[in-house]
Amino acid sequence: MDIHATTICEKGVETLANHKSAEKRARQNEKRRLRNKAVKTRIKNITKDVRQASAENAKEAAKAKMDAAQSLIDKAVKKGVIHKKTAARKISRLSKLVNTIVVF
């Protein structure tokens, strides 16, 4: 049997918080976790789109998607979801990929 009292907040999150402030912190952390997860998923999806467009040698489509990806990644850094050096690395690798597309 657990010695901590478990509480369930409105969103159904089970916590081991014993104080009102700790319960609030648990609710805040859950909201942030879900928001961060959504942003990271969007980054992964737009990255896949850029890679797919470059694999198809669609230079214009890849450049357009690259601009959208760069904007999304920069916004994630601004929100604190990912580190700025992680963002720089992702953008650099995608840019390198898009710049190597040869149009026949």
Protein backbone atom coordinates (compact mmCIF):
# COMPACT_ATOMS: atom_id res chain seq x y z
CA MET A 1 0.00 0.00 0.00
CA ASP A 2 1.27 3.42 -0.93
CA ILE A 3 1.97 5.83 1.91
CA HIS A 4 1.16 8.89 -0.20
CA ALA A 5 -2.36 10.02 -0.77
CA THR A 6 -3.23 9.98 -4.43
CA THR A 7 -5.53 12.63 -5.77
CA ILE A 8 -7.19 12.94 -9.10
CA CYS A 9 -7.63 16.38 -10.58
CA GLU A 10 -10.29 17.46 -13.06
CA LYS A 11 -8.39 16.13 -16.08
CA GLY A 12 -8.05 12.65 -14.59
CA VAL A 13 -4.36 12.99 -13.77
CA GLU A 14 -3.34 10.86 -10.84
CA THR A 15 -0.78 12.55 -8.63
CA LEU A 16 1.02 11.84 -5.40
CA ALA A 17 0.73 15.46 -4.33
CA ASN A 18 -0.06 16.14 -0.70
CA HIS A 19 -0.23 19.93 -0.81
CA LYS A 20 -2.47 22.28 -2.67
CA SER A 21 0.49 23.93 -4.42
CA ALA A 22 1.90 20.54 -5.44
CA GLU A 23 -1.48 19.53 -6.89
CA LYS A 24 -1.56 22.76 -8.90
CA ARG A 25 2.00 22.16 -10.10
CA ALA A 26 0.99 18.64 -11.21
CA ARG A 27 -1.94 20.08 -13.20
CA GLN A 28 0.32 22.69 -14.81
CA ASN A 29 2.93 20.08 -15.69
CA GLU A 30 0.32 17.87 -17.35
CA LYS A 31 -0.96 20.78 -19.47
CA ARG A 32 2.59 21.67 -20.50
CA ARG A 33 3.43 18.04 -21.28
CA LEU A 34 0.45 17.74 -23.63
CA ARG A 35 1.22 21.08 -25.30
CA ASN A 36 4.89 20.15 -25.78
CA LYS A 37 3.89 16.76 -27.17
CA ALA A 38 1.63 18.42 -29.76
CA VAL A 39 4.37 20.84 -30.86
CA LYS A 40 6.96 18.06 -31.15
CA THR A 41 4.54 15.95 -33.19
CA ARG A 42 3.97 18.86 -35.58
CA ILE A 43 7.75 19.28 -35.96
CA LYS A 44 8.15 15.58 -36.77
CA ASN A 45 5.34 15.69 -39.33
CA ILE A 46 6.61 18.77 -41.17
CA THR A 47 10.13 17.27 -41.15
CA LYS A 48 8.75 14.13 -42.79
CA ASP A 49 7.00 16.29 -45.39
CA VAL A 50 10.25 18.10 -46.24
CA ARG A 51 12.15 14.80 -46.51
CA GLN A 52 9.44 13.29 -48.72
CA ALA A 53 9.39 16.32 -51.03
CA SER A 54 13.17 16.19 -51.35
CA ALA A 55 13.05 12.46 -52.09
CA GLU A 56 10.62 13.18 -54.93
CA ASN A 57 13.00 15.88 -56.28
CA ALA A 58 10.25 18.51 -55.94
CA LYS A 59 12.49 21.50 -55.28
CA GLU A 60 9.79 24.19 -55.07
CA ALA A 61 7.56 22.09 -52.80
CA ALA A 62 10.53 21.19 -50.62
CA LYS A 63 11.54 24.85 -50.29
CA ALA A 64 7.99 25.87 -49.36
CA LYS A 65 7.78 23.10 -46.77
CA MET A 66 11.26 23.97 -45.53
CA ASP A 67 10.14 27.55 -44.81
CA ALA A 68 7.13 26.25 -42.89
CA ALA A 69 9.33 23.81 -40.97
CA GLN A 70 11.83 26.50 -40.07
CA SER A 71 9.06 28.75 -38.79
CA LEU A 72 7.54 25.94 -36.72
CA ILE A 73 10.90 24.94 -35.24
CA ASP A 74 11.73 28.55 -34.35
CA LYS A 75 8.37 28.93 -32.63
CA ALA A 76 9.05 25.76 -30.62
CA VAL A 77 12.32 27.29 -29.41
CA LYS A 78 10.54 30.49 -28.48
CA LYS A 79 8.01 28.50 -26.43
CA GLY A 80 10.80 26.54 -24.76
CA VAL A 81 9.74 23.17 -26.15
CA ILE A 82 13.11 22.40 -27.72
CA HIS A 83 16.61 23.77 -27.16
CA LYS A 84 17.92 26.39 -29.58
CA LYS A 85 20.89 24.24 -30.61
CA THR A 86 18.59 21.29 -31.32
CA ALA A 87 16.53 23.60 -33.51
CA ALA A 88 19.63 24.87 -35.30
CA ARG A 89 20.74 21.29 -35.97
CA LYS A 90 17.33 20.27 -37.34
CA ILE A 91 17.12 23.34 -39.59
CA SER A 92 20.68 22.87 -40.80
CA ARG A 93 20.14 19.23 -41.74
CA LEU A 94 16.88 19.98 -43.53
CA SER A 95 18.44 22.92 -45.39
CA LYS A 96 21.35 20.77 -46.49
CA LEU A 97 18.91 18.14 -47.73
CA VAL A 98 16.80 20.65 -49.68
CA ASN A 99 19.87 22.31 -51.21
CA THR A 100 21.14 18.98 -52.60
CA ILE A 101 18.01 18.46 -54.73
CA VAL A 102 18.91 18.29 -58.41
CA VAL A 103 16.12 19.14 -60.84
CA PHE A 104 16.28 17.36 -64.19
